PDB file of all heavy atoms in Angstrom:
ATOM      1  N   TYR A   1       2.443   0.599   1.290  1.00  0.00           N
ATOM      2  CA  TYR A   1       1.999   1.948   1.600  1.00  0.00           C
ATOM      3  C   TYR A   1       0.557   2.157   1.157  1.00  0.00           C
ATOM      4  O   TYR A   1       0.160   1.717   0.077  1.00  0.00           O
ATOM      5  CB  TYR A   1       2.880   2.977   0.892  1.00  0.00           C
ATOM      6  CG  TYR A   1       4.314   2.991   1.371  1.00  0.00           C
ATOM      7  CD1 TYR A   1       5.258   2.141   0.809  1.00  0.00           C
ATOM      8  CD2 TYR A   1       4.713   3.848   2.394  1.00  0.00           C
ATOM      9  CE1 TYR A   1       6.577   2.149   1.242  1.00  0.00           C
ATOM     10  CE2 TYR A   1       6.032   3.868   2.837  1.00  0.00           C
ATOM     11  CZ  TYR A   1       6.949   3.007   2.257  1.00  0.00           C
ATOM     12  OH  TYR A   1       8.249   3.011   2.691  1.00  0.00           O
ATOM     13  N   ALA A   2      -0.200   2.846   2.005  1.00  0.00           N
ATOM     14  CA  ALA A   2      -1.515   3.359   1.640  1.00  0.00           C
ATOM     15  C   ALA A   2      -1.348   4.849   1.385  1.00  0.00           C
ATOM     16  O   ALA A   2      -1.021   5.619   2.297  1.00  0.00           O
ATOM     17  CB  ALA A   2      -2.525   3.126   2.757  1.00  0.00           C
ATOM     18  N   LEU A   3      -1.528   5.273   0.135  1.00  0.00           N
ATOM     19  CA  LEU A   3      -1.272   6.654  -0.267  1.00  0.00           C
ATOM     20  C   LEU A   3      -2.573   7.374  -0.603  1.00  0.00           C
ATOM     21  O   LEU A   3      -3.495   6.790  -1.168  1.00  0.00           O
ATOM     22  CB  LEU A   3      -0.358   6.694  -1.492  1.00  0.00           C
ATOM     23  CG  LEU A   3       0.990   5.987  -1.385  1.00  0.00           C
ATOM     24  CD1 LEU A   3       1.756   6.127  -2.692  1.00  0.00           C
ATOM     25  CD2 LEU A   3       1.802   6.539  -0.225  1.00  0.00           C
ATOM     26  N   SER A   4      -2.612   8.634  -0.272  1.00  0.00           N
ATOM     27  CA  SER A   4      -3.765   9.464  -0.615  1.00  0.00           C
ATOM     28  C   SER A   4      -3.774   9.743  -2.105  1.00  0.00           C
ATOM     29  O   SER A   4      -2.743  10.096  -2.695  1.00  0.00           O
ATOM     30  CB  SER A   4      -3.696  10.788   0.159  1.00  0.00           C
ATOM     31  OG  SER A   4      -4.620  11.719  -0.367  1.00  0.00           O
ATOM     32  N   MET A   5      -4.945   9.619  -2.730  1.00  0.00           N
ATOM     33  CA  MET A   5      -5.073   9.938  -4.146  1.00  0.00           C
ATOM     34  C   MET A   5      -5.209  11.439  -4.366  1.00  0.00           C
ATOM     35  O   MET A   5      -5.222  11.903  -5.507  1.00  0.00           O
ATOM     36  CB  MET A   5      -6.262   9.201  -4.751  1.00  0.00           C
ATOM     37  CG  MET A   5      -6.121   7.693  -4.735  1.00  0.00           C
ATOM     38  SD  MET A   5      -7.405   6.815  -5.645  1.00  0.00           S
ATOM     39  CE  MET A   5      -6.923   7.164  -7.327  1.00  0.00           C
ATOM     40  N   GLN A   6      -5.281  12.213  -3.283  1.00  0.00           N
ATOM     41  CA  GLN A   6      -5.362  13.660  -3.393  1.00  0.00           C
ATOM     42  C   GLN A   6      -3.987  14.310  -3.501  1.00  0.00           C
ATOM     43  O   GLN A   6      -3.771  15.193  -4.323  1.00  0.00           O
ATOM     44  CB  GLN A   6      -6.113  14.238  -2.180  1.00  0.00           C
ATOM     45  CG  GLN A   6      -7.545  13.773  -2.068  1.00  0.00           C
ATOM     46  CD  GLN A   6      -8.396  14.244  -3.226  1.00  0.00           C
ATOM     47  OE1 GLN A   6      -8.237  15.358  -3.726  1.00  0.00           O
ATOM     48  NE2 GLN A   6      -9.315  13.395  -3.675  1.00  0.00           N
ATOM     49  N   ASN A   7      -3.045  13.847  -2.662  1.00  0.00           N
ATOM     50  CA  ASN A   7      -1.733  14.499  -2.639  1.00  0.00           C
ATOM     51  C   ASN A   7      -0.572  13.535  -2.438  1.00  0.00           C
ATOM     52  O   ASN A   7       0.564  13.975  -2.254  1.00  0.00           O
ATOM     53  CB  ASN A   7      -1.696  15.572  -1.540  1.00  0.00           C
ATOM     54  CG  ASN A   7      -2.068  14.999  -0.175  1.00  0.00           C
ATOM     55  OD1 ASN A   7      -1.949  13.793   0.060  1.00  0.00           O
ATOM     56  ND2 ASN A   7      -2.544  15.850   0.709  1.00  0.00           N
ATOM     57  N   GLY A   8      -0.834  12.232  -2.477  1.00  0.00           N
ATOM     58  CA  GLY A   8       0.243  11.260  -2.351  1.00  0.00           C
ATOM     59  C   GLY A   8       0.772  11.067  -0.956  1.00  0.00           C
ATOM     60  O   GLY A   8       1.760  10.334  -0.752  1.00  0.00           O
ATOM     61  N   SER A   9       0.172  11.706   0.048  1.00  0.00           N
ATOM     62  CA  SER A   9       0.645  11.545   1.421  1.00  0.00           C
ATOM     63  C   SER A   9       0.385  10.121   1.908  1.00  0.00           C
ATOM     64  O   SER A   9      -0.516   9.429   1.429  1.00  0.00           O
ATOM     65  CB  SER A   9      -0.048  12.551   2.346  1.00  0.00           C
ATOM     66  OG  SER A   9      -1.458  12.339   2.344  1.00  0.00           O
ATOM     67  N   VAL A  10       1.194   9.686   2.874  1.00  0.00           N
ATOM     68  CA  VAL A  10       1.115   8.323   3.383  1.00  0.00           C
ATOM     69  C   VAL A  10       0.128   8.262   4.545  1.00  0.00           C
ATOM     70  O   VAL A  10       0.286   8.967   5.545  1.00  0.00           O
ATOM     71  CB  VAL A  10       2.501   7.827   3.842  1.00  0.00           C
ATOM     72  CG1 VAL A  10       2.388   6.425   4.435  1.00  0.00           C
ATOM     73  CG2 VAL A  10       3.482   7.840   2.679  1.00  0.00           C
ATOM     74  N   TYR A  11      -0.892   7.437   4.400  1.00  0.00           N
ATOM     75  CA  TYR A  11      -1.792   7.181   5.525  1.00  0.00           C
ATOM     76  C   TYR A  11      -1.134   6.217   6.503  1.00  0.00           C
ATOM     77  O   TYR A  11      -1.047   6.491   7.696  1.00  0.00           O
ATOM     78  CB  TYR A  11      -3.124   6.603   5.025  1.00  0.00           C
ATOM     79  CG  TYR A  11      -3.996   7.585   4.305  1.00  0.00           C
ATOM     80  CD1 TYR A  11      -4.522   7.291   3.044  1.00  0.00           C
ATOM     81  CD2 TYR A  11      -4.316   8.813   4.863  1.00  0.00           C
ATOM     82  CE1 TYR A  11      -5.338   8.187   2.371  1.00  0.00           C
ATOM     83  CE2 TYR A  11      -5.134   9.722   4.195  1.00  0.00           C
ATOM     84  CZ  TYR A  11      -5.631   9.399   2.948  1.00  0.00           C
ATOM     85  OH  TYR A  11      -6.429  10.285   2.284  1.00  0.00           O
ATOM     86  N   TRP A  12      -0.701   5.064   5.985  1.00  0.00           N
ATOM     87  CA  TRP A  12      -0.005   4.100   6.839  1.00  0.00           C
ATOM     88  C   TRP A  12       1.003   3.312   6.030  1.00  0.00           C
ATOM     89  O   TRP A  12       0.936   3.262   4.794  1.00  0.00           O
ATOM     90  CB  TRP A  12      -0.976   3.155   7.551  1.00  0.00           C
ATOM     91  CG  TRP A  12      -1.976   2.405   6.702  1.00  0.00           C
ATOM     92  CD1 TRP A  12      -3.301   2.654   6.603  1.00  0.00           C
ATOM     93  CD2 TRP A  12      -1.729   1.262   5.847  1.00  0.00           C
ATOM     94  NE1 TRP A  12      -3.911   1.758   5.732  1.00  0.00           N
ATOM     95  CE2 TRP A  12      -2.962   0.892   5.265  1.00  0.00           C
ATOM     96  CE3 TRP A  12      -0.597   0.520   5.527  1.00  0.00           C
ATOM     97  CZ2 TRP A  12      -3.091  -0.177   4.378  1.00  0.00           C
ATOM     98  CZ3 TRP A  12      -0.717  -0.545   4.627  1.00  0.00           C
ATOM     99  CH2 TRP A  12      -1.942  -0.880   4.076  1.00  0.00           C
ATOM    100  N   LYS A  13       1.959   2.744   6.745  1.00  0.00           N
ATOM    101  CA  LYS A  13       2.944   1.841   6.151  1.00  0.00           C
ATOM    102  C   LYS A  13       2.944   0.548   6.948  1.00  0.00           C
ATOM    103  O   LYS A  13       3.138   0.553   8.157  1.00  0.00           O
ATOM    104  CB  LYS A  13       4.348   2.447   6.162  1.00  0.00           C
ATOM    105  CG  LYS A  13       5.396   1.517   5.557  1.00  0.00           C
ATOM    106  CD  LYS A  13       6.795   2.118   5.611  1.00  0.00           C
ATOM    107  CE  LYS A  13       7.421   1.963   6.971  1.00  0.00           C
ATOM    108  NZ  LYS A  13       8.852   2.337   6.981  1.00  0.00           N
ATOM    109  N   ALA A  14       2.714  -0.572   6.270  1.00  0.00           N
ATOM    110  CA  ALA A  14       2.742  -1.895   6.899  1.00  0.00           C
ATOM    111  C   ALA A  14       3.950  -2.656   6.379  1.00  0.00           C
ATOM    112  O   ALA A  14       4.198  -2.692   5.173  1.00  0.00           O
ATOM    113  CB  ALA A  14       1.458  -2.671   6.599  1.00  0.00           C
ATOM    114  N   THR A  15       4.697  -3.265   7.286  1.00  0.00           N
ATOM    115  CA  THR A  15       5.889  -4.015   6.907  1.00  0.00           C
ATOM    116  C   THR A  15       5.659  -5.496   7.154  1.00  0.00           C
ATOM    117  O   THR A  15       5.467  -5.916   8.296  1.00  0.00           O
ATOM    118  CB  THR A  15       7.118  -3.553   7.707  1.00  0.00           C
ATOM    119  OG1 THR A  15       7.334  -2.153   7.464  1.00  0.00           O
ATOM    120  CG2 THR A  15       8.358  -4.324   7.286  1.00  0.00           C
ATOM    121  N   LEU A  16       5.627  -6.278   6.078  1.00  0.00           N
ATOM    122  CA  LEU A  16       5.525  -7.734   6.178  1.00  0.00           C
ATOM    123  C   LEU A  16       6.919  -8.342   6.199  1.00  0.00           C
ATOM    124  O   LEU A  16       7.860  -7.781   5.647  1.00  0.00           O
ATOM    125  CB  LEU A  16       4.740  -8.306   4.993  1.00  0.00           C
ATOM    126  CG  LEU A  16       3.235  -8.031   4.951  1.00  0.00           C
ATOM    127  CD1 LEU A  16       2.639  -8.635   3.688  1.00  0.00           C
ATOM    128  CD2 LEU A  16       2.538  -8.591   6.177  1.00  0.00           C
ATOM    129  N   LYS A  17       7.039  -9.522   6.782  1.00  0.00           N
ATOM    130  CA  LYS A  17       8.330 -10.191   6.890  1.00  0.00           C
ATOM    131  C   LYS A  17       8.633 -11.044   5.661  1.00  0.00           C
ATOM    132  O   LYS A  17       9.164 -12.141   5.761  1.00  0.00           O
ATOM    133  CB  LYS A  17       8.360 -11.068   8.154  1.00  0.00           C
ATOM    134  CG  LYS A  17       8.240 -10.279   9.451  1.00  0.00           C
ATOM    135  CD  LYS A  17       8.271 -11.217  10.648  1.00  0.00           C
ATOM    136  CE  LYS A  17       8.169 -10.439  11.946  1.00  0.00           C
ATOM    137  NZ  LYS A  17       8.181 -11.347  13.121  1.00  0.00           N
ATOM    138  N   THR A  18       8.263 -10.553   4.509  1.00  0.00           N
ATOM    139  CA  THR A  18       8.533 -11.260   3.261  1.00  0.00           C
ATOM    140  C   THR A  18       8.364 -10.287   2.117  1.00  0.00           C
ATOM    141  O   THR A  18       7.648  -9.284   2.238  1.00  0.00           O
ATOM    142  CB  THR A  18       7.560 -12.436   3.055  1.00  0.00           C
ATOM    143  OG1 THR A  18       7.792 -13.038   1.773  1.00  0.00           O
ATOM    144  CG2 THR A  18       6.116 -11.974   3.105  1.00  0.00           C
ATOM    145  N   GLN A  19       9.014 -10.551   1.003  1.00  0.00           N
ATOM    146  CA  GLN A  19       8.713  -9.809  -0.202  1.00  0.00           C
ATOM    147  C   GLN A  19       7.412 -10.325  -0.807  1.00  0.00           C
ATOM    148  O   GLN A  19       6.894 -11.365  -0.412  1.00  0.00           O
ATOM    149  CB  GLN A  19       9.850  -9.952  -1.217  1.00  0.00           C
ATOM    150  CG  GLN A  19      11.054  -9.083  -0.912  1.00  0.00           C
ATOM    151  CD  GLN A  19      11.965  -8.930  -2.118  1.00  0.00           C
ATOM    152  OE1 GLN A  19      11.990  -9.767  -3.009  1.00  0.00           O
ATOM    153  NE2 GLN A  19      12.732  -7.857  -2.153  1.00  0.00           N
ATOM    154  N   LEU A  20       6.908  -9.585  -1.782  1.00  0.00           N
ATOM    155  CA  LEU A  20       5.665  -9.958  -2.445  1.00  0.00           C
ATOM    156  C   LEU A  20       5.944 -10.368  -3.882  1.00  0.00           C
ATOM    157  O   LEU A  20       7.025 -10.116  -4.416  1.00  0.00           O
ATOM    158  CB  LEU A  20       4.674  -8.791  -2.423  1.00  0.00           C
ATOM    159  CG  LEU A  20       4.353  -8.174  -1.055  1.00  0.00           C
ATOM    160  CD1 LEU A  20       3.299  -7.080  -1.218  1.00  0.00           C
ATOM    161  CD2 LEU A  20       3.879  -9.225  -0.072  1.00  0.00           C
ATOM    162  N   THR A  21       4.961 -11.003  -4.496  1.00  0.00           N
ATOM    163  CA  THR A  21       5.086 -11.398  -5.899  1.00  0.00           C
ATOM    164  C   THR A  21       4.413 -10.405  -6.828  1.00  0.00           C
ATOM    165  O   THR A  21       4.418 -10.600  -8.035  1.00  0.00           O
ATOM    166  CB  THR A  21       4.479 -12.794  -6.122  1.00  0.00           C
ATOM    167  OG1 THR A  21       3.089 -12.773  -5.758  1.00  0.00           O
ATOM    168  CG2 THR A  21       5.187 -13.839  -5.268  1.00  0.00           C
ATOM    169  N   ILE A  22       3.807  -9.336  -6.270  1.00  0.00           N
ATOM    170  CA  ILE A  22       3.190  -8.287  -7.076  1.00  0.00           C
ATOM    171  C   ILE A  22       3.543  -6.936  -6.462  1.00  0.00           C
ATOM    172  O   ILE A  22       3.984  -6.858  -5.310  1.00  0.00           O
ATOM    173  CB  ILE A  22       1.656  -8.427  -7.151  1.00  0.00           C
ATOM    174  CG1 ILE A  22       1.049  -8.387  -5.739  1.00  0.00           C
ATOM    175  CG2 ILE A  22       1.248  -9.693  -7.867  1.00  0.00           C
ATOM    176  CD1 ILE A  22      -0.463  -8.352  -5.729  1.00  0.00           C
ATOM    177  N   SER A  23       3.361  -5.859  -7.232  1.00  0.00           N
ATOM    178  CA  SER A  23       3.620  -4.513  -6.741  1.00  0.00           C
ATOM    179  C   SER A  23       2.328  -3.760  -6.417  1.00  0.00           C
ATOM    180  O   SER A  23       2.312  -2.916  -5.531  1.00  0.00           O
ATOM    181  CB  SER A  23       4.411  -3.717  -7.786  1.00  0.00           C
ATOM    182  OG  SER A  23       5.642  -4.317  -8.048  1.00  0.00           O
ATOM    183  N   LYS A  24       1.276  -4.059  -7.145  1.00  0.00           N
ATOM    184  CA  LYS A  24       0.009  -3.350  -6.992  1.00  0.00           C
ATOM    185  C   LYS A  24      -0.963  -4.191  -6.178  1.00  0.00           C
ATOM    186  O   LYS A  24      -1.153  -5.369  -6.455  1.00  0.00           O
ATOM    187  CB  LYS A  24      -0.577  -3.045  -8.371  1.00  0.00           C
ATOM    188  CG  LYS A  24      -1.967  -2.446  -8.363  1.00  0.00           C
ATOM    189  CD  LYS A  24      -2.463  -2.273  -9.790  1.00  0.00           C
ATOM    190  CE  LYS A  24      -3.897  -1.804  -9.842  1.00  0.00           C
ATOM    191  NZ  LYS A  24      -4.387  -1.669 -11.232  1.00  0.00           N
ATOM    192  N   LEU A  25      -1.578  -3.577  -5.172  1.00  0.00           N
ATOM    193  CA  LEU A  25      -2.574  -4.258  -4.362  1.00  0.00           C
ATOM    194  C   LEU A  25      -3.913  -3.572  -4.576  1.00  0.00           C
ATOM    195  O   LEU A  25      -4.035  -2.357  -4.401  1.00  0.00           O
ATOM    196  CB  LEU A  25      -2.195  -4.234  -2.882  1.00  0.00           C
ATOM    197  CG  LEU A  25      -0.955  -5.062  -2.511  1.00  0.00           C
ATOM    198  CD1 LEU A  25       0.291  -4.202  -2.576  1.00  0.00           C
ATOM    199  CD2 LEU A  25      -1.099  -5.661  -1.129  1.00  0.00           C
ATOM    200  N   VAL A  26      -4.916  -4.344  -4.961  1.00  0.00           N
ATOM    201  CA  VAL A  26      -6.233  -3.792  -5.294  1.00  0.00           C
ATOM    202  C   VAL A  26      -7.179  -3.984  -4.114  1.00  0.00           C
ATOM    203  O   VAL A  26      -7.402  -5.115  -3.683  1.00  0.00           O
ATOM    204  CB  VAL A  26      -6.812  -4.481  -6.549  1.00  0.00           C
ATOM    205  CG1 VAL A  26      -8.176  -3.900  -6.893  1.00  0.00           C
ATOM    206  CG2 VAL A  26      -5.856  -4.322  -7.724  1.00  0.00           C
ATOM    207  N   PRO A  27      -7.732  -2.905  -3.560  1.00  0.00           N
ATOM    208  CA  PRO A  27      -8.646  -3.062  -2.421  1.00  0.00           C
ATOM    209  C   PRO A  27      -9.967  -3.677  -2.870  1.00  0.00           C
ATOM    210  O   PRO A  27     -10.465  -3.400  -3.962  1.00  0.00           O
ATOM    211  CB  PRO A  27      -8.833  -1.629  -1.929  1.00  0.00           C
ATOM    212  CG  PRO A  27      -8.558  -0.772  -3.127  1.00  0.00           C
ATOM    213  CD  PRO A  27      -7.522  -1.497  -3.929  1.00  0.00           C
ATOM    214  N   TYR A  28     -10.523  -4.505  -1.996  1.00  0.00           N
ATOM    215  CA  TYR A  28     -11.811  -5.146  -2.288  1.00  0.00           C
ATOM    216  C   TYR A  28     -12.488  -5.448  -0.961  1.00  0.00           C
ATOM    217  O   TYR A  28     -11.912  -6.120  -0.091  1.00  0.00           O
ATOM    218  CB  TYR A  28     -11.607  -6.433  -3.084  1.00  0.00           C
ATOM    219  CG  TYR A  28     -12.899  -7.115  -3.483  1.00  0.00           C
ATOM    220  CD1 TYR A  28     -13.630  -6.682  -4.594  1.00  0.00           C
ATOM    221  CD2 TYR A  28     -13.411  -8.177  -2.747  1.00  0.00           C
ATOM    222  CE1 TYR A  28     -14.808  -7.290  -4.960  1.00  0.00           C
ATOM    223  CE2 TYR A  28     -14.597  -8.789  -3.098  1.00  0.00           C
ATOM    224  CZ  TYR A  28     -15.301  -8.347  -4.209  1.00  0.00           C
ATOM    225  OH  TYR A  28     -16.487  -8.952  -4.560  1.00  0.00           O
ATOM    226  N   GLN A  29     -13.686  -4.913  -0.785  1.00  0.00           N
ATOM    227  CA  GLN A  29     -14.466  -5.104   0.436  1.00  0.00           C
ATOM    228  C   GLN A  29     -13.633  -4.807   1.679  1.00  0.00           C
ATOM    229  O   GLN A  29     -13.685  -5.529   2.677  1.00  0.00           O
ATOM    230  CB  GLN A  29     -15.032  -6.523   0.501  1.00  0.00           C
ATOM    231  CG  GLN A  29     -16.073  -6.823  -0.556  1.00  0.00           C
ATOM    232  CD  GLN A  29     -16.719  -8.189  -0.387  1.00  0.00           C
ATOM    233  OE1 GLN A  29     -16.429  -8.914   0.575  1.00  0.00           O
ATOM    234  NE2 GLN A  29     -17.609  -8.557  -1.301  1.00  0.00           N
TER     235      GLN A  29
END
């Protein structure tokens, strides 16, 4: 999920065909 830091609303939801090894994704460039 991409969430707004203003009110927590969802901008978009992307579904990958696998689980992840982390919970937090840090944006970069």
